[in-house]
Amino acid sequence: MVTVVVVINTLISLALLYIAWRVWKLKQRLGRIADRLTAYERRSHAVLSKVPENIYTSEQNIYTLQQKNQAFQMQIQQVRQILSLLLLGRQIWQRYFGKKTAIK
């Protein structure tokens, strides 16, 4: 009877030792996963902490480009108006003075 109790206790001890070993392995694995997640969090924080500043800088650059674009659009419009006036002047010149040069 004592032998049976000793064998059962030994089997229980071995089973608990195996469970403890598995829990210890699981703890190590969870520790590695936690370390990786912490590293990912630090990296993402380093990248994302600069995002608002980058967005602000980009907005400023866009605003500057819009202002320059408006100035260029005004210049283009002025050049078109000048060209239109020159073409109109040429047409008028040809209409009134182009025919008189042909008279001898």
Protein backbone atom coordinates (compact mmCIF):
# COMPACT_ATOMS: atom_id res chain seq x y z
CA MET A 1 0.00 0.00 0.00
CA VAL A 2 2.82 2.37 0.85
CA THR A 3 4.42 1.58 -2.50
CA VAL A 4 1.24 2.57 -4.30
CA VAL A 5 1.10 5.87 -2.44
CA VAL A 6 4.78 6.56 -3.18
CA VAL A 7 4.28 5.75 -6.89
CA ILE A 8 1.18 7.96 -7.09
CA ASN A 9 3.01 10.80 -5.30
CA THR A 10 5.97 10.37 -7.65
CA LEU A 11 3.67 10.47 -10.68
CA ILE A 12 1.91 13.56 -9.32
CA SER A 13 5.29 15.18 -8.63
CA LEU A 14 6.49 14.40 -12.15
CA ALA A 15 3.27 15.76 -13.65
CA LEU A 16 3.56 18.95 -11.58
CA LEU A 17 7.24 19.25 -12.51
CA TYR A 18 6.30 18.97 -16.20
CA ILE A 19 3.55 21.58 -15.76
CA ALA A 20 5.96 23.89 -13.92
CA TRP A 21 8.52 23.47 -16.71
CA ARG A 22 5.86 24.30 -19.36
CA VAL A 23 4.72 27.34 -17.37
CA TRP A 24 8.35 28.47 -17.07
CA LYS A 25 8.81 28.10 -20.88
CA LEU A 26 5.55 29.98 -21.45
CA LYS A 27 6.76 32.76 -19.14
CA GLN A 28 10.00 33.05 -21.15
CA ARG A 29 8.09 33.17 -24.41
CA LEU A 30 5.68 35.79 -23.09
CA GLY A 31 8.66 37.82 -21.87
CA ARG A 32 10.21 37.78 -25.35
CA ILE A 33 6.87 38.77 -26.89
CA ALA A 34 6.51 41.61 -24.37
CA ASP A 35 10.04 42.81 -25.18
CA ARG A 36 9.26 42.81 -28.90
CA LEU A 37 6.00 44.68 -28.37
CA THR A 38 7.80 47.25 -26.23
CA ALA A 39 10.42 47.72 -28.95
CA TYR A 40 7.68 48.09 -31.59
CA GLU A 41 5.90 50.62 -29.41
CA ARG A 42 9.09 52.66 -28.96
CA ARG A 43 9.78 52.64 -32.69
CA SER A 44 6.25 53.58 -33.61
CA HIS A 45 6.25 56.32 -30.99
CA ALA A 46 9.53 57.69 -32.38
CA VAL A 47 8.02 57.79 -35.88
CA LEU A 48 4.54 58.98 -34.95
CA SER A 49 5.73 61.69 -32.56
CA LYS A 50 7.15 63.55 -35.57
CA VAL A 51 3.93 63.32 -37.59
CA PRO A 52 2.20 66.48 -36.31
CA GLU A 53 5.30 68.56 -37.01
CA ASN A 54 5.62 67.03 -40.48
CA ILE A 55 1.96 67.69 -41.19
CA TYR A 56 2.34 71.31 -40.08
CA THR A 57 5.44 71.75 -42.24
CA SER A 58 3.64 70.18 -45.20
CA GLU A 59 0.67 72.48 -44.71
CA GLN A 60 3.01 75.48 -44.67
CA ASN A 61 4.71 74.26 -47.86
CA ILE A 62 1.34 73.73 -49.55
CA TYR A 63 0.22 77.22 -48.53
CA THR A 64 3.45 78.71 -49.90
CA LEU A 65 3.03 76.80 -53.16
CA GLN A 66 -0.57 77.99 -53.44
CA GLN A 67 0.56 81.59 -53.01
CA LYS A 68 3.26 81.16 -55.64
CA ASN A 69 0.75 79.46 -57.94
CA GLN A 70 -1.64 82.40 -57.58
CA ALA A 71 1.14 84.81 -58.49
CA PHE A 72 2.06 82.70 -61.52
CA GLN A 73 -1.58 82.50 -62.58
CA MET A 74 -1.78 86.29 -62.44
CA GLN A 75 1.37 86.58 -64.54
CA ILE A 76 0.04 84.06 -67.05
CA GLN A 77 -3.21 86.01 -67.27
CA GLN A 78 -1.29 89.23 -67.84
CA VAL A 79 0.84 87.63 -70.56
CA ARG A 80 -2.31 86.31 -72.25
CA GLN A 81 -3.87 89.76 -72.13
CA ILE A 82 -0.72 91.31 -73.60
CA LEU A 83 -0.63 88.69 -76.36
CA SER A 84 -4.32 89.28 -77.07
CA LEU A 85 -3.70 93.02 -77.33
CA LEU A 86 -0.71 92.44 -79.62
CA LEU A 87 -2.74 90.15 -81.87
CA LEU A 88 -5.60 92.65 -81.92
CA GLY A 89 -3.14 95.42 -82.78
CA ARG A 90 -1.66 93.28 -85.55
CA GLN A 91 -5.12 92.59 -86.98
CA ILE A 92 -5.97 96.27 -86.89
CA TRP A 93 -2.62 97.14 -88.43
CA GLN A 94 -3.13 94.65 -91.24
CA ARG A 95 -6.69 95.80 -91.82
CA TYR A 96 -5.91 99.51 -92.09
CA PHE A 97 -2.28 99.71 -93.07
CA GLY A 98 -1.57 96.41 -94.74
CA LYS A 99 -3.58 97.25 -97.90
CA LYS A 100 -2.09 100.74 -98.31
CA THR A 101 1.42 99.39 -98.66
CA ALA A 102 0.33 97.53 -101.79
CA ILE A 103 -0.59 100.86 -103.58
CA LYS A 104 2.16 102.33 -105.77
